[in-house]
Protein backbone atom coordinates (compact mmCIF):
# COMPACT_ATOMS: atom_id res chain seq x y z
CA MET A 1 108.24 59.18 99.14
CA GLY A 2 111.52 58.92 97.27
CA THR A 3 114.62 61.00 97.70
CA LYS A 4 113.63 63.22 94.82
CA GLY A 5 110.15 63.73 96.28
CA ARG A 6 111.56 64.71 99.69
CA ALA A 7 113.90 67.20 98.06
CA VAL A 8 111.02 68.77 96.19
CA ALA A 9 108.98 68.99 99.38
CA VAL A 10 111.84 70.62 101.29
CA ALA A 11 112.40 73.08 98.46
CA GLY A 12 108.71 73.92 98.42
CA LEU A 13 108.66 74.46 102.18
CA GLY A 14 111.68 76.73 101.91
CA ALA A 15 110.03 78.73 99.16
CA ALA A 16 106.86 79.11 101.24
CA LEU A 17 108.80 80.36 104.26
CA GLY A 18 110.66 82.78 102.05
CA MET A 19 107.42 84.15 100.67
CA LEU A 20 106.08 84.65 104.21
CA ALA A 21 109.24 86.47 105.26
CA PHE A 22 109.06 88.92 102.40
CA ALA A 23 105.28 89.25 102.22
CA GLN A 24 105.51 92.26 104.53
CA ASP A 25 106.57 95.61 103.11
CA PRO A 26 110.35 95.78 103.81
CA LEU A 27 109.99 99.45 104.69
CA GLU A 28 107.63 98.63 107.54
CA PRO A 29 108.96 97.36 110.91
CA MET A 30 108.67 93.65 111.49
CA VAL A 31 105.73 92.54 113.63
CA TRP A 32 106.95 90.09 116.23
CA PRO A 33 104.93 87.71 118.40
CA ALA A 34 103.92 89.18 121.74
CA ASP A 35 106.19 88.07 124.57
CA GLU A 36 105.89 90.10 127.76
CA GLN A 37 109.07 88.75 129.34
CA GLU A 38 111.13 89.39 126.22
CA ALA A 39 109.57 92.83 125.77
CA ALA A 40 110.50 93.73 129.34
CA ARG A 41 114.09 92.61 128.74
CA ILE A 42 114.33 94.69 125.57
CA ALA A 43 113.02 97.77 127.38
CA ASP A 44 115.52 97.20 130.19
CA TYR A 45 118.42 96.84 127.78
CA PHE A 46 117.38 99.95 125.87
CA GLY A 47 117.21 101.94 129.11
CA LEU A 48 120.69 100.80 130.10
CA ALA A 49 122.14 101.97 126.77
CA ASP A 50 120.23 105.27 126.84
CA PHE A 51 122.49 106.87 129.43
CA ASP A 52 120.81 110.30 129.53
CA GLY A 53 117.23 109.03 129.28
CA GLY A 54 116.64 111.03 126.10
CA GLY A 55 114.55 108.31 124.46
CA TRP A 56 117.19 107.38 121.86
CA ILE A 57 120.74 106.05 121.84
CA SER A 58 123.58 108.09 120.42
CA PHE A 59 126.74 106.65 118.92
CA GLU A 60 128.68 107.63 122.05
CA GLU A 61 126.18 105.81 124.26
CA ALA A 62 126.14 102.76 122.00
CA SER A 63 129.92 102.58 121.79
CA GLN A 64 130.26 102.69 125.58
CA SER A 65 127.37 100.42 126.49
CA MET A 66 127.57 97.87 123.64
CA SER A 67 131.14 98.33 122.31
CA VAL A 68 129.94 98.94 118.73
CA ASP A 69 131.87 100.80 116.06
CA ARG A 70 130.35 102.85 113.25
CA ASP A 71 129.47 99.76 111.22
CA GLY A 72 127.86 98.12 114.23
CA PHE A 73 125.90 101.28 114.97
CA ALA A 74 124.62 101.32 111.38
CA ARG A 75 123.14 97.85 111.87
CA PHE A 76 120.87 99.35 114.53
CA ASP A 77 120.23 102.71 112.84
CA GLY A 78 117.88 101.60 110.10
CA ASN A 79 116.82 105.06 108.92
CA ARG A 80 120.39 106.45 109.14
CA ASP A 81 119.42 109.48 111.20
CA GLY A 82 122.30 109.01 113.65
CA ARG A 83 120.01 107.81 116.43
CA ILE A 84 118.89 104.40 117.59
CA GLN A 85 115.19 104.66 118.37
CA PHE A 86 113.50 102.02 120.51
CA GLU A 87 111.89 100.35 117.48
CA GLU A 88 115.27 100.04 115.77
CA PHE A 89 116.84 98.65 118.94
CA GLU A 90 114.06 96.08 119.28
CA ALA A 91 114.35 95.04 115.63
CA ARG A 92 118.11 94.51 115.93
CA TYR A 93 117.69 92.62 119.22
CA ARG A 94 115.17 90.20 117.73
CA GLU A 95 117.21 89.82 114.54
CA VAL A 96 120.23 88.69 116.55
CA LEU A 97 118.15 86.15 118.46
CA ALA A 98 116.43 84.92 115.28
CA ARG A 99 119.82 84.11 113.82
CA GLY A 100 120.70 82.02 116.84
CA GLY A 101 122.93 84.63 118.44
CA ALA A 102 122.95 86.10 121.94
CA PHE A 103 122.35 89.79 122.60
CA GLU A 104 124.67 90.86 125.38
CA ARG A 105 123.30 93.04 128.15
CA PRO A 106 124.45 96.66 127.69
CA ARG A 107 126.79 98.02 130.32
CA ALA A 108 125.51 100.80 132.55
CA PRO A 109 127.62 103.97 132.49
CA GLU A 110 130.45 104.02 134.94
CA LYS A 111 130.14 106.77 137.50
CA ALA A 112 132.80 109.33 136.78
CA PRO A 113 135.08 110.00 139.75
CA LEU A 114 134.71 113.36 141.44
CA PRO A 115 137.53 115.87 141.04
CA PRO A 116 139.81 116.24 144.06
CA ALA A 117 138.69 118.25 147.06
CA ARG A 118 139.64 121.90 146.61
CA ASP A 119 139.40 125.05 148.68
CA ALA A 120 138.40 128.40 147.18
CA ALA A 121 141.89 129.07 145.85
CA GLY A 122 142.02 125.62 144.28
CA LEU A 123 138.64 126.06 142.58
CA LEU A 124 139.71 129.43 141.20
CA PHE A 125 142.98 128.02 139.91
CA ALA A 126 141.29 125.01 138.28
CA TYR A 127 138.32 126.73 136.61
CA ASP A 128 139.37 130.32 135.93
CA SER A 129 140.10 129.63 132.26
CA ASP A 130 140.43 133.29 131.26
CA LEU A 131 142.67 134.09 134.26
CA ASN A 132 140.69 137.17 135.31
CA GLY A 133 140.66 136.26 138.99
CA ALA A 134 137.00 135.17 139.14
CA LEU A 135 134.63 132.54 137.80
CA SER A 136 132.17 133.52 135.11
CA LEU A 137 128.80 131.87 134.52
CA ALA A 138 130.27 129.47 131.95
CA GLU A 139 133.21 128.57 134.20
CA LEU A 140 130.84 128.01 137.10
CA GLU A 141 128.73 125.70 134.94
CA THR A 142 131.79 123.57 134.21
CA LEU A 143 132.62 123.42 137.92
CA LEU A 144 129.11 122.28 138.91
CA VAL A 145 129.08 119.59 136.22
CA ASP A 146 132.50 118.27 137.25
CA TYR A 147 131.51 118.09 140.92
CA GLN A 148 128.10 116.60 140.07
CA VAL A 149 126.12 119.27 141.89
CA LYS A 150 122.63 118.39 140.71
CA ASN A 151 119.25 120.13 140.67
CA THR A 152 120.63 123.63 140.41
CA SER A 153 121.96 125.81 137.64
CA ALA A 154 125.06 127.94 137.45
CA ALA A 155 122.86 131.04 137.16
CA PHE A 156 121.04 130.18 140.37
CA ALA A 157 124.25 129.42 142.24
CA LEU A 158 125.73 132.70 140.99
CA SER A 159 122.72 134.61 142.29
CA GLN A 160 123.20 133.05 145.72
CA PHE A 161 126.95 133.56 146.15
CA ASP A 162 127.62 136.75 144.16
CA ASN A 163 127.47 139.19 147.08
CA ASP A 164 128.86 142.21 145.23
CA GLY A 165 126.71 141.84 142.11
CA SER A 166 129.70 141.56 139.77
CA GLU A 167 128.15 138.56 137.95
CA ARG A 168 131.31 136.64 138.80
CA LEU A 169 132.53 134.75 141.84
CA GLU A 170 135.74 136.08 143.33
CA ARG A 171 137.87 134.12 145.75
CA GLY A 172 136.09 135.37 148.87
CA GLU A 173 132.70 134.38 147.45
CA LEU A 174 134.06 131.01 146.40
CA GLU A 175 134.72 130.22 150.08
CA TYR A 176 131.02 129.53 150.50
CA LEU A 177 130.77 127.44 147.34
CA ALA A 178 133.83 125.42 148.35
CA GLY A 179 132.19 124.74 151.73
CA LEU A 180 128.98 123.63 150.02
CA ILE A 181 130.82 121.25 147.70
CA ALA A 182 132.78 119.81 150.61
CA THR A 183 129.50 119.18 152.46
CA LEU A 184 127.94 117.46 149.45
CA ARG A 185 131.03 115.30 149.00
CA GLY A 186 130.76 114.25 152.62
CA THR A 187 127.18 112.98 152.10
CA ALA A 188 127.86 111.29 148.74
CA GLY A 189 127.21 107.58 148.83
CA THR A 190 124.90 107.64 151.84
CA GLU A 191 121.58 105.85 151.52
CA ASP A 192 119.50 109.03 151.51
CA SER A 193 121.88 111.28 149.58
CA GLU A 194 119.78 111.06 146.41
CA ALA A 195 116.65 112.11 148.28
CA ASP A 196 118.46 114.93 150.04
CA ALA A 197 119.75 116.29 146.75
CA ASP A 198 116.18 116.84 145.56
CA SER A 199 115.51 119.69 148.02
CA LEU A 200 116.87 123.20 147.97
CA GLU A 201 117.32 123.09 151.73
CA ALA A 202 119.70 120.18 151.31
CA LEU A 203 121.64 121.94 148.58
CA PHE A 204 121.72 125.47 149.95
CA GLY A 205 120.57 125.07 153.55
CA THR A 206 123.79 123.65 154.92
CA PRO A 207 125.36 126.08 157.42
CA ILE A 208 128.73 127.13 156.02
CA PRO A 209 131.28 128.59 158.43
CA ARG A 210 132.18 132.14 157.51
CA PRO A 211 135.79 132.77 156.48
CA LYS A 212 137.87 133.96 159.41
CA GLU A 213 139.99 136.95 158.54
CA PRO A 214 142.17 139.09 160.77
CA GLY A 215 140.05 141.67 162.56
CA SER A 216 136.73 140.12 161.50
CA VAL A 217 133.82 139.97 163.94
CA PRO A 218 132.60 136.48 164.89
CA ALA A 219 129.39 135.59 163.12
CA PRO A 220 127.16 132.51 162.89
CA PRO A 221 127.51 130.19 159.90
CA ARG A 222 126.05 131.41 156.66
CA ILE A 223 123.06 129.81 154.93
CA SER A 224 122.99 130.94 151.33
CA GLY A 225 119.31 130.11 150.83
CA PRO A 226 116.68 130.04 149.55
CA VAL A 227 115.27 128.24 152.57
CA ARG A 228 112.32 128.73 154.90
CA PRO A 229 112.68 131.29 157.71
CA PHE A 230 112.08 128.50 160.22
CA PHE A 231 115.05 126.59 158.82
CA ARG A 232 117.29 129.64 159.28
CA LEU A 233 116.18 130.32 162.86
CA ASP A 234 116.41 126.71 164.04
CA TYR A 235 120.14 127.05 164.68
CA ASP A 236 120.75 123.61 166.17
CA GLY A 237 118.41 121.84 163.73
CA ASP A 238 116.33 120.12 166.38
CA GLY A 239 112.99 121.04 164.77
CA ALA A 240 112.12 123.90 167.16
CA ILE A 241 113.25 127.47 167.75
CA ASP A 242 114.13 128.28 171.35
CA ALA A 243 115.93 131.11 173.11
CA ALA A 244 119.29 129.39 172.73
CA ASP A 245 118.87 129.40 168.93
CA LEU A 246 118.17 133.13 168.84
CA GLU A 247 121.07 133.93 171.19
CA ALA A 248 123.48 131.92 169.02
CA LEU A 249 122.31 133.72 165.91
CA GLN A 250 122.65 137.22 167.38
CA PHE A 251 126.09 136.65 168.92
CA PRO A 252 128.15 138.77 169.50
CA LEU A 253 125.43 141.45 169.39
CA THR A 254 123.29 142.28 172.39
CA LEU A 255 119.68 143.25 171.68
CA SER A 256 117.40 145.29 173.90
CA VAL A 257 114.74 142.57 173.79
CA ARG A 258 115.63 139.31 175.48
CA SER A 259 115.38 136.15 173.35
CA ALA A 260 113.36 134.38 176.03
CA THR A 261 110.81 137.21 175.96
CA VAL A 262 110.38 136.85 172.20
CA ILE A 263 109.84 133.11 172.51
CA ALA A 264 107.36 133.51 175.37
CA ALA A 265 105.31 136.05 173.41
CA LEU A 266 104.91 133.73 170.41
CA ASP A 267 104.84 130.35 172.14
CA ARG A 268 101.16 129.34 171.99
CA ASP A 269 101.45 125.88 173.56
CA GLY A 270 103.80 126.93 176.35
CA ASP A 271 106.52 124.36 175.64
CA GLY A 272 109.29 126.98 175.62
CA ALA A 273 109.98 126.80 171.88
CA LEU A 274 108.40 127.73 168.56
CA SER A 275 107.16 125.16 166.08
CA GLN A 276 106.79 125.78 162.35
CA ASP A 277 103.07 126.49 162.82
CA GLU A 278 103.66 128.92 165.68
CA LEU A 279 106.23 130.85 163.64
CA THR A 280 103.83 131.02 160.69
CA LEU A 281 101.03 132.36 162.91
CA ALA A 282 103.39 134.98 164.31
CA PHE A 283 103.69 136.58 160.88
CA GLU A 284 99.97 136.66 160.22
CA PRO A 285 98.20 139.99 160.80
CA ALA A 286 96.21 140.28 163.99
CA PRO A 287 92.43 140.23 163.54
CA PRO A 288 90.71 143.63 163.85
CA PRO A 289 89.25 144.38 167.26
CA ALA A 290 85.58 143.55 167.69
CA ALA A 291 83.21 146.51 167.59
CA ASP A 292 81.92 147.64 171.01
CA GLN A 293 78.15 147.36 170.82
CA SER A 294 77.67 149.41 174.00
CA SER A 295 79.27 152.56 172.63
CA PRO A 296 76.87 155.08 171.08
CA ALA A 297 76.80 155.36 167.32
CA PRO A 298 78.43 158.49 165.91
CA SER A 299 76.05 161.34 165.18
CA SER A 300 75.17 161.86 161.53
CA SER A 301 74.14 165.48 162.05
CA THR A 302 76.28 168.09 160.41
CA PRO A 303 77.34 170.92 162.72
CA ARG A 304 76.24 174.35 161.64
C-alpha cells in the first residue's frame, strides 16, 4: 500500500472513530466500560470531596478538596445546577483520564481547631452577641457548633441546663455547660471518643462539680441527664450500687433509713450491692397476694 493509500486508511479510521464517539445522544451520559477497581476509586474520591455526605459536591467543597475555581467547577457541573452529582463527577474523572491526564485525589477536610478552653464567664463573653447577659437558643447553637459538641441540639441542651425556665442560659447555668465542654475536650482524640459521643450518657452523664459559692451547702456532682436511674445512683461508676454510693449522694443530709438497710432489702443475690436488674425489679409492683382457699366464701345473702 502506497503512502496515499495509508493516508486514506488512517483518515477513514479516524472518521469511523469519530462517528462512534458521537453516535450516542450528547445529552445522555457516556456509558463507560465496567471496571470495578476504577469504579471504587471514583466512589472514594467523590466521598472525599463530599465533605458533609449530602450526596453532591458544592462549590465550597470542590474548591477546598480539588482547588477548582468557578471555571473548573463548571467543567464538572454539566447541567449547571450549582451541584456536582456523582454522575457528573464520574464523567469528568473519566474524561481527564481519557485525555491522558491524571485525576488528583481530593483532599479530605482539615479538622477545624477547637476554640480555646473557657469557663462560664468566658463562654458568656464570647457568645453573648446581643450583650443581654445570657445565651439565647441561637447563640447556644453557635457555641455547640464551634466546640464540636455532636449528637445534641441547642434546644435539648437548653432544656437540660435552663434551671429557671428563662429560655436562656445565664452565667450560673453556664457553669455546668462549661464543665461538660471541658470534659469532652479532655476525651477528644482518644480511641473510643467517637463511640462515646454516640450515647446520651456520655454527653450528659458526666458528673459535673457544682459551683462552690460562699455559704453554699456541699452537694454531690450534678448529672444533667437524661440518663438511667442506675447511672445516677452508681456514684463511683463501678457498675453496682452499694451503701457507699447512697451515702455519698445523700451527704451532708442524714436520713432516717440507713443506706445499708435499703441495699439489703433490695439485694436479691446477697452480694451487698444492687445490679441493674435488681434495681429494675425493685420498681416493679409486687404481685397480688394469693387467695386463701381455706377461708370461707363470703355470703351472698342479703340481710333483711
